[in-house]
Amino acid sequence: MSSELRLKKLRGSGGFVMATVNDDQQRKGNLGGPDLFLAPVGRLDSEKISKYYCNTCEKEYEGSPKIEYENPNEIVAENLVLLEKGQYVCTTCGSILAEYRNFSKPDETASVGAAIPVTSTNVIVQSTQSVQSEPPKTSTNVKTFSSITGLGVYDTEARKVGVVKEMGIQPDQSSIVLVVTRNDGTDVTIKWDEIRKIGEIVLLGSLLAENNLKCIKCGYTNSQGSKFCESCGNKLK
């Protein structure tokens, strides 16, 4: 494989950087579309970044943004360790251009195992308070009662599949869910029992379905595995 460096644009949620990257870094940043993304690549050498653009400032800057990182070495599941977490920060306004997480599988031949179950005591109390206060429904028909907005969501292959948009309960108040904005910008609803762990990241118990689960009749974004719309009953494609 060629190790030739090429100048590329790598996008983040709050802007982009122009950096020289090798073939392996390009492969990591390619999520299947025409754009390359910064989060899967991880930490780049600041010397490799020639300029960046901040969405908050609406301005392009020469040089590298500030790169902040730490090494928690946190075990997030069996055979999965969070080695490093970091972010690219605008040197002018302090806005986050992109965040990343680097993982390691101690045994590369084995799959990722189960994580320690998440306690739901506090969540149940918050849910009760939410039902009493009756907050407005969101565009995905989920009642919001707690926010872990912005946490990265990863599947069982340690791939980042999106970020948490909001947390709430379904319209029938039958279960707790997370609304996740996937890498392609679409939203999907994840049921609580499909989540392995919530900590520094959200770890799912399976691969995130790529098919569109939004009902074409009422617009409701359904949970993974749904065959019929959970809001209007319309058959999903």
C-alpha atoms as a PDB file:
ATOM      1  CA  MET A   1       0.000   0.000   0.000  1.00  0.00           C
ATOM      2  CA  SER A   2       1.293   3.461  -0.914  1.00  0.00           C
ATOM      3  CA  SER A   3       2.307   5.726   1.955  1.00  0.00           C
ATOM      4  CA  GLU A   4       2.180   8.874  -0.178  1.00  0.00           C
ATOM      5  CA  LEU A   5       0.785  11.892   1.662  1.00  0.00           C
ATOM      6  CA  ARG A   6      -2.054  13.841   0.073  1.00  0.00           C
ATOM      7  CA  LEU A   7      -3.714  17.107   1.068  1.00  0.00           C
ATOM      8  CA  LYS A   8      -7.330  16.362   2.006  1.00  0.00           C
ATOM      9  CA  LYS A   9     -10.308  18.063   3.631  1.00  0.00           C
ATOM     10  CA  LEU A  10     -11.501  16.209   6.736  1.00  0.00           C
ATOM     11  CA  ARG A  11     -14.855  17.259   8.123  1.00  0.00           C
ATOM     12  CA  GLY A  12     -16.021  17.489  11.717  1.00  0.00           C
ATOM     13  CA  SER A  13     -19.309  18.489  13.310  1.00  0.00           C
ATOM     14  CA  GLY A  14     -18.020  22.032  13.915  1.00  0.00           C
ATOM     15  CA  GLY A  15     -15.852  22.675  10.882  1.00  0.00           C
ATOM     16  CA  PHE A  16     -13.083  21.051   8.871  1.00  0.00           C
ATOM     17  CA  VAL A  17      -9.297  20.851   8.564  1.00  0.00           C
ATOM     18  CA  MET A  18      -7.009  20.661   5.556  1.00  0.00           C
ATOM     19  CA  ALA A  19      -4.284  18.138   6.284  1.00  0.00           C
ATOM     20  CA  THR A  20      -1.815  15.851   4.551  1.00  0.00           C
ATOM     21  CA  VAL A  21      -2.807  12.257   5.287  1.00  0.00           C
ATOM     22  CA  ASN A  22      -1.585   8.845   4.209  1.00  0.00           C
ATOM     23  CA  ASP A  23      -3.586   6.038   2.621  1.00  0.00           C
ATOM     24  CA  ASP A  24      -4.451   4.384   5.932  1.00  0.00           C
ATOM     25  CA  GLN A  25      -5.766   7.651   7.390  1.00  0.00           C
ATOM     26  CA  GLN A  26      -7.834   8.232   4.259  1.00  0.00           C
ATOM     27  CA  ARG A  27      -9.301   4.754   4.602  1.00  0.00           C
ATOM     28  CA  LYS A  28     -10.278   5.394   8.206  1.00  0.00           C
ATOM     29  CA  GLY A  29     -11.858   8.750   7.358  1.00  0.00           C
ATOM     30  CA  ASN A  30     -13.951   7.360   4.495  1.00  0.00           C
ATOM     31  CA  LEU A  31     -17.404   6.410   5.802  1.00  0.00           C
ATOM     32  CA  GLY A  32     -18.779   5.478   2.413  1.00  0.00           C
ATOM     33  CA  GLY A  33     -19.548   8.864   0.865  1.00  0.00           C
ATOM     34  CA  PRO A  34     -17.568  11.468  -1.056  1.00  0.00           C
ATOM     35  CA  ASP A  35     -16.345  13.234   2.103  1.00  0.00           C
ATOM     36  CA  LEU A  36     -13.631  12.281   4.571  1.00  0.00           C
ATOM     37  CA  PHE A  37     -14.319  12.669   8.293  1.00  0.00           C
ATOM     38  CA  LEU A  38     -11.912  13.634  11.055  1.00  0.00           C
ATOM     39  CA  ALA A  39     -13.366  11.606  13.944  1.00  0.00           C
ATOM     40  CA  PRO A  40     -12.481   8.120  12.624  1.00  0.00           C
ATOM     41  CA  VAL A  41      -8.927   9.217  11.822  1.00  0.00           C
ATOM     42  CA  GLY A  42      -8.130  10.236  15.394  1.00  0.00           C
ATOM     43  CA  ARG A  43      -5.277  12.522  16.349  1.00  0.00           C
ATOM     44  CA  LEU A  44      -3.256  14.045  13.515  1.00  0.00           C
ATOM     45  CA  ASP A  45       0.111  15.702  13.927  1.00  0.00           C
ATOM     46  CA  SER A  46      -0.527  19.439  14.087  1.00  0.00           C
ATOM     47  CA  GLU A  47       2.331  19.928  11.590  1.00  0.00           C
ATOM     48  CA  LYS A  48       0.268  18.024   9.012  1.00  0.00           C
ATOM     49  CA  ILE A  49      -2.647  20.499   9.265  1.00  0.00           C
ATOM     50  CA  SER A  50      -2.210  23.535   7.015  1.00  0.00           C
ATOM     51  CA  LYS A  51      -5.475  25.339   7.854  1.00  0.00           C
ATOM     52  CA  TYR A  52      -8.910  24.861   9.361  1.00  0.00           C
ATOM     53  CA  TYR A  53     -12.411  26.303   9.185  1.00  0.00           C
ATOM     54  CA  CYS A  54     -14.606  27.002  12.239  1.00  0.00           C
ATOM     55  CA  ASN A  55     -18.384  26.936  11.734  1.00  0.00           C
ATOM     56  CA  THR A  56     -18.942  29.152  14.786  1.00  0.00           C
ATOM     57  CA  CYS A  57     -16.526  31.860  13.664  1.00  0.00           C
ATOM     58  CA  GLU A  58     -17.517  31.310  10.019  1.00  0.00           C
ATOM     59  CA  LYS A  59     -13.882  31.882   9.237  1.00  0.00           C
ATOM     60  CA  GLU A  60     -10.860  30.017   7.917  1.00  0.00           C
ATOM     61  CA  TYR A  61      -7.587  30.078   9.842  1.00  0.00           C
ATOM     62  CA  GLU A  62      -4.031  29.240   8.838  1.00  0.00           C
ATOM     63  CA  GLY A  63      -2.315  26.495  10.798  1.00  0.00           C
ATOM     64  CA  SER A  64      -3.719  23.858  13.116  1.00  0.00           C
ATOM     65  CA  PRO A  65      -6.534  24.116  15.670  1.00  0.00           C
ATOM     66  CA  LYS A  66      -5.715  23.208  19.263  1.00  0.00           C
ATOM     67  CA  ILE A  67      -5.673  19.444  19.794  1.00  0.00           C
ATOM     68  CA  GLU A  68      -6.609  18.371  23.323  1.00  0.00           C
ATOM     69  CA  TYR A  69      -6.505  14.726  24.368  1.00  0.00           C
ATOM     70  CA  GLU A  70      -6.174  12.312  27.277  1.00  0.00           C
ATOM     71  CA  ASN A  71      -5.564   8.593  27.716  1.00  0.00           C
ATOM     72  CA  PRO A  72      -8.171   7.094  30.081  1.00  0.00           C
ATOM     73  CA  ASN A  73      -7.397   3.429  29.231  1.00  0.00           C
ATOM     74  CA  GLU A  74     -10.982   2.656  30.237  1.00  0.00           C
ATOM     75  CA  ILE A  75     -12.421  -0.819  29.721  1.00  0.00           C
ATOM     76  CA  VAL A  76     -15.792  -0.140  28.088  1.00  0.00           C
ATOM     77  CA  ALA A  77     -16.596  -3.784  27.313  1.00  0.00           C
ATOM     78  CA  GLU A  78     -14.996  -7.194  27.344  1.00  0.00           C
ATOM     79  CA  ASN A  79     -12.038  -7.045  24.951  1.00  0.00           C
ATOM     80  CA  LEU A  80     -12.521  -3.336  24.210  1.00  0.00           C
ATOM     81  CA  VAL A  81     -10.440  -0.549  25.782  1.00  0.00           C
ATOM     82  CA  LEU A  82     -10.847   3.194  25.245  1.00  0.00           C
ATOM     83  CA  LEU A  83      -7.205   4.221  24.818  1.00  0.00           C
ATOM     84  CA  GLU A  84      -7.529   7.872  23.913  1.00  0.00           C
ATOM     85  CA  LYS A  85     -10.183  10.548  23.584  1.00  0.00           C
ATOM     86  CA  GLY A  86      -9.601  13.997  22.202  1.00  0.00           C
ATOM     87  CA  GLN A  87     -10.965  16.993  20.372  1.00  0.00           C
ATOM     88  CA  TYR A  88      -9.958  19.622  17.865  1.00  0.00           C
ATOM     89  CA  VAL A  89     -10.680  23.098  19.242  1.00  0.00           C
ATOM     90  CA  CYS A  90     -10.775  26.488  17.506  1.00  0.00           C
ATOM     91  CA  THR A  91      -7.940  28.632  18.874  1.00  0.00           C
ATOM     92  CA  THR A  92     -10.063  31.782  18.544  1.00  0.00           C
ATOM     93  CA  CYS A  93     -13.514  30.972  19.971  1.00  0.00           C
ATOM     94  CA  GLY A  94     -12.925  27.629  21.693  1.00  0.00           C
ATOM     95  CA  SER A  95     -15.593  25.771  19.702  1.00  0.00           C
ATOM     96  CA  ILE A  96     -15.098  22.056  19.087  1.00  0.00           C
ATOM     97  CA  LEU A  97     -14.456  21.238  15.434  1.00  0.00           C
ATOM     98  CA  ALA A  98     -14.408  17.474  15.938  1.00  0.00           C
ATOM     99  CA  GLU A  99     -14.068  14.797  18.614  1.00  0.00           C
ATOM    100  CA  TYR A 100     -12.509  11.364  18.359  1.00  0.00           C
ATOM    101  CA  ARG A 101     -12.095   8.126  20.327  1.00  0.00           C
ATOM    102  CA  ASN A 102      -9.391   5.516  19.796  1.00  0.00           C
ATOM    103  CA  PHE A 103     -10.042   1.938  20.910  1.00  0.00           C
ATOM    104  CA  SER A 104      -8.002  -1.226  21.275  1.00  0.00           C
ATOM    105  CA  LYS A 105      -8.974  -4.889  21.294  1.00  0.00           C
ATOM    106  CA  PRO A 106      -6.467  -6.706  23.556  1.00  0.00           C
ATOM    107  CA  ASP A 107      -7.282  -9.926  21.721  1.00  0.00           C
ATOM    108  CA  GLU A 108      -7.604  -9.093  18.021  1.00  0.00           C
ATOM    109  CA  THR A 109      -8.830 -12.608  17.242  1.00  0.00           C
ATOM    110  CA  ALA A 110     -11.809 -12.342  19.626  1.00  0.00           C
ATOM    111  CA  SER A 111     -14.986 -10.300  19.299  1.00  0.00           C
ATOM    112  CA  VAL A 112     -16.120  -7.545  21.638  1.00  0.00           C
ATOM    113  CA  GLY A 113     -17.954  -9.001  24.618  1.00  0.00           C
ATOM    114  CA  ALA A 114     -20.606  -7.753  27.006  1.00  0.00           C
ATOM    115  CA  ALA A 115     -20.188  -4.644  29.123  1.00  0.00           C
ATOM    116  CA  ILE A 116     -21.231  -4.092  32.724  1.00  0.00           C
ATOM    117  CA  PRO A 117     -24.988  -3.361  32.708  1.00  0.00           C
ATOM    118  CA  VAL A 118     -25.993   0.263  33.175  1.00  0.00           C
ATOM    119  CA  THR A 119     -28.026   1.041  36.286  1.00  0.00           C
ATOM    120  CA  SER A 120     -31.412   2.546  35.441  1.00  0.00           C
ATOM    121  CA  THR A 121     -32.427   3.835  38.899  1.00  0.00           C
ATOM    122  CA  ASN A 122     -31.771   7.507  38.183  1.00  0.00           C
ATOM    123  CA  VAL A 123     -33.287   7.216  34.742  1.00  0.00           C
ATOM    124  CA  ILE A 124     -36.558   5.873  36.113  1.00  0.00           C
ATOM    125  CA  VAL A 125     -36.838   8.802  38.540  1.00  0.00           C
ATOM    126  CA  GLN A 126     -36.155  11.285  35.746  1.00  0.00           C
ATOM    127  CA  SER A 127     -38.701   9.551  33.562  1.00  0.00           C
ATOM    128  CA  THR A 128     -41.386   9.916  36.229  1.00  0.00           C
ATOM    129  CA  GLN A 129     -40.655  13.611  36.595  1.00  0.00           C
ATOM    130  CA  SER A 130     -40.844  14.036  32.860  1.00  0.00           C
ATOM    131  CA  VAL A 131     -44.243  12.394  32.579  1.00  0.00           C
ATOM    132  CA  GLN A 132     -45.604  14.706  35.268  1.00  0.00           C
ATOM    133  CA  SER A 133     -44.254  17.859  33.632  1.00  0.00           C
ATOM    134  CA  GLU A 134     -45.399  16.817  30.128  1.00  0.00           C
ATOM    135  CA  PRO A 135     -42.674  18.564  28.073  1.00  0.00           C
ATOM    136  CA  PRO A 136     -43.382  19.273  24.403  1.00  0.00           C
ATOM    137  CA  LYS A 137     -42.899  16.435  21.948  1.00  0.00           C
ATOM    138  CA  THR A 138     -39.862  16.583  19.702  1.00  0.00           C
ATOM    139  CA  SER A 139     -39.837  16.165  15.957  1.00  0.00           C
ATOM    140  CA  THR A 140     -39.217  12.419  16.431  1.00  0.00           C
ATOM    141  CA  ASN A 141     -42.207  12.063  18.783  1.00  0.00           C
ATOM    142  CA  VAL A 142     -39.956  11.410  21.787  1.00  0.00           C
ATOM    143  CA  LYS A 143     -40.535  13.181  25.111  1.00  0.00           C
ATOM    144  CA  THR A 144     -37.220  14.528  26.331  1.00  0.00           C
ATOM    145  CA  PHE A 145     -36.322  14.216  30.024  1.00  0.00           C
ATOM    146  CA  SER A 146     -32.549  14.026  30.109  1.00  0.00           C
ATOM    147  CA  SER A 147     -29.763  15.014  27.782  1.00  0.00           C
ATOM    148  CA  ILE A 148     -26.485  13.290  27.018  1.00  0.00           C
ATOM    149  CA  THR A 149     -26.276  15.211  23.784  1.00  0.00           C
ATOM    150  CA  GLY A 150     -23.064  14.886  21.841  1.00  0.00           C
ATOM    151  CA  LEU A 151     -21.777  11.570  23.187  1.00  0.00           C
ATOM    152  CA  GLY A 152     -20.297   9.410  20.458  1.00  0.00           C
ATOM    153  CA  VAL A 153     -22.233   6.235  19.611  1.00  0.00           C
ATOM    154  CA  TYR A 154     -20.225   3.131  18.693  1.00  0.00           C
ATOM    155  CA  ASP A 155     -21.254  -0.299  17.453  1.00  0.00           C
ATOM    156  CA  THR A 156     -19.891  -3.722  18.379  1.00  0.00           C
ATOM    157  CA  GLU A 157     -17.038  -3.327  15.888  1.00  0.00           C
ATOM    158  CA  ALA A 158     -15.829  -0.168  17.716  1.00  0.00           C
ATOM    159  CA  ARG A 159     -16.889   2.014  14.787  1.00  0.00           C
ATOM    160  CA  LYS A 160     -18.420   5.408  15.440  1.00  0.00           C
ATOM    161  CA  VAL A 161     -21.892   5.394  13.897  1.00  0.00           C
ATOM    162  CA  GLY A 162     -23.225   8.727  15.147  1.00  0.00           C
ATOM    163  CA  VAL A 163     -23.828  10.999  18.132  1.00  0.00           C
ATOM    164  CA  VAL A 164     -26.600  11.211  20.715  1.00  0.00           C
ATOM    165  CA  LYS A 165     -29.187  13.833  19.802  1.00  0.00           C
ATOM    166  CA  GLU A 166     -31.487  13.403  22.796  1.00  0.00           C
ATOM    167  CA  MET A 167     -32.837  10.948  25.348  1.00  0.00           C
ATOM    168  CA  GLY A 168     -36.484  10.321  26.158  1.00  0.00           C
ATOM    169  CA  ILE A 169     -39.434   7.952  26.181  1.00  0.00           C
ATOM    170  CA  GLN A 170     -41.612   6.742  23.349  1.00  0.00           C
ATOM    171  CA  PRO A 171     -45.101   8.261  22.922  1.00  0.00           C
ATOM    172  CA  ASP A 172     -46.755   5.275  24.603  1.00  0.00           C
ATOM    173  CA  GLN A 173     -44.300   5.639  27.528  1.00  0.00           C
ATOM    174  CA  SER A 174     -43.409   1.958  27.119  1.00  0.00           C
ATOM    175  CA  SER A 175     -39.630   2.285  26.956  1.00  0.00           C
ATOM    176  CA  ILE A 176     -36.645   4.601  27.262  1.00  0.00           C
ATOM    177  CA  VAL A 177     -34.877   5.465  24.015  1.00  0.00           C
ATOM    178  CA  LEU A 178     -31.980   7.432  22.595  1.00  0.00           C
ATOM    179  CA  VAL A 179     -32.331   9.440  19.426  1.00  0.00           C
ATOM    180  CA  VAL A 180     -29.046   9.119  17.540  1.00  0.00           C
ATOM    181  CA  THR A 181     -27.946  11.237  14.602  1.00  0.00           C
ATOM    182  CA  ARG A 182     -26.048   8.896  12.320  1.00  0.00           C
ATOM    183  CA  ASN A 183     -22.971   9.790  10.280  1.00  0.00           C
ATOM    184  CA  ASP A 184     -25.132  10.444   7.225  1.00  0.00           C
ATOM    185  CA  GLY A 185     -27.202  13.042   9.121  1.00  0.00           C
ATOM    186  CA  THR A 186     -30.358  10.941   9.559  1.00  0.00           C
ATOM    187  CA  ASP A 187     -31.876  10.184  12.974  1.00  0.00           C
ATOM    188  CA  VAL A 188     -32.603   6.739  14.370  1.00  0.00           C
ATOM    189  CA  THR A 189     -34.240   5.703  17.645  1.00  0.00           C
ATOM    190  CA  ILE A 190     -32.365   3.171  19.786  1.00  0.00           C
ATOM    191  CA  LYS A 191     -34.218   1.235  22.474  1.00  0.00           C
ATOM    192  CA  TRP A 192     -32.671   1.133  25.953  1.00  0.00           C
ATOM    193  CA  ASP A 193     -32.225  -2.641  25.916  1.00  0.00           C
ATOM    194  CA  GLU A 194     -30.147  -2.318  22.725  1.00  0.00           C
ATOM    195  CA  ILE A 195     -27.525  -0.268  24.611  1.00  0.00           C
ATOM    196  CA  ARG A 196     -24.641  -2.023  26.337  1.00  0.00           C
ATOM    197  CA  LYS A 197     -23.113   0.882  28.185  1.00  0.00           C
ATOM    198  CA  ILE A 198     -23.252   4.650  28.613  1.00  0.00           C
ATOM    199  CA  GLY A 199     -20.108   6.292  29.944  1.00  0.00           C
ATOM    200  CA  GLU A 200     -17.500   8.206  27.998  1.00  0.00           C
ATOM    201  CA  ILE A 201     -19.271   6.779  24.951  1.00  0.00           C
ATOM    202  CA  VAL A 202     -22.514   4.995  24.121  1.00  0.00           C
ATOM    203  CA  LEU A 203     -21.808   1.384  23.204  1.00  0.00           C
ATOM    204  CA  LEU A 204     -24.505  -0.464  21.283  1.00  0.00           C
ATOM    205  CA  GLY A 205     -25.174  -4.157  21.576  1.00  0.00           C
ATOM    206  CA  SER A 206     -25.302  -4.675  17.813  1.00  0.00           C
ATOM    207  CA  LEU A 207     -24.460  -3.069  14.503  1.00  0.00           C
ATOM    208  CA  LEU A 208     -26.528   0.032  13.814  1.00  0.00           C
ATOM    209  CA  ALA A 209     -28.999  -0.668  11.042  1.00  0.00           C
ATOM    210  CA  GLU A 210     -28.249   1.308   7.890  1.00  0.00           C
ATOM    211  CA  ASN A 211     -31.726   1.161   6.447  1.00  0.00           C
ATOM    212  CA  ASN A 212     -34.015   4.146   6.739  1.00  0.00           C
ATOM    213  CA  LEU A 213     -36.447   3.606   9.598  1.00  0.00           C
ATOM    214  CA  LYS A 214     -38.372   6.847   9.110  1.00  0.00           C
ATOM    215  CA  CYS A 215     -42.013   6.276   8.247  1.00  0.00           C
ATOM    216  CA  ILE A 216     -42.878   7.818   4.873  1.00  0.00           C
ATOM    217  CA  LYS A 217     -46.466   8.309   6.028  1.00  0.00           C
ATOM    218  CA  CYS A 218     -46.101  10.162   9.352  1.00  0.00           C
ATOM    219  CA  GLY A 219     -42.365  10.912   9.515  1.00  0.00           C
ATOM    220  CA  TYR A 220     -41.734   9.040  12.790  1.00  0.00           C
ATOM    221  CA  THR A 221     -38.229   7.530  13.146  1.00  0.00           C
ATOM    222  CA  ASN A 222     -38.672   3.983  14.405  1.00  0.00           C
ATOM    223  CA  SER A 223     -36.502   1.695  16.503  1.00  0.00           C
ATOM    224  CA  GLN A 224     -34.115  -0.834  15.009  1.00  0.00           C
ATOM    225  CA  GLY A 225     -35.820  -3.974  13.734  1.00  0.00           C
ATOM    226  CA  SER A 226     -39.221  -2.330  13.355  1.00  0.00           C
ATOM    227  CA  LYS A 227     -41.328  -3.700  10.506  1.00  0.00           C
ATOM    228  CA  PHE A 228     -44.292  -1.395  11.133  1.00  0.00           C
ATOM    229  CA  CYS A 229     -44.329   2.227  12.251  1.00  0.00           C
ATOM    230  CA  GLU A 230     -44.568   2.465  16.033  1.00  0.00           C
ATOM    231  CA  SER A 231     -46.604   5.663  15.699  1.00  0.00           C
ATOM    232  CA  CYS A 232     -49.149   5.070  12.905  1.00  0.00           C
ATOM    233  CA  GLY A 233     -48.782   1.360  12.107  1.00  0.00           C
ATOM    234  CA  ASN A 234     -47.749   1.901   8.495  1.00  0.00           C
ATOM    235  CA  LYS A 235     -45.579  -0.888   7.022  1.00  0.00           C
ATOM    236  CA  LEU A 236     -41.940   0.143   6.717  1.00  0.00           C
ATOM    237  CA  LYS A 237     -39.874  -0.545   3.628  1.00  0.00           C
END
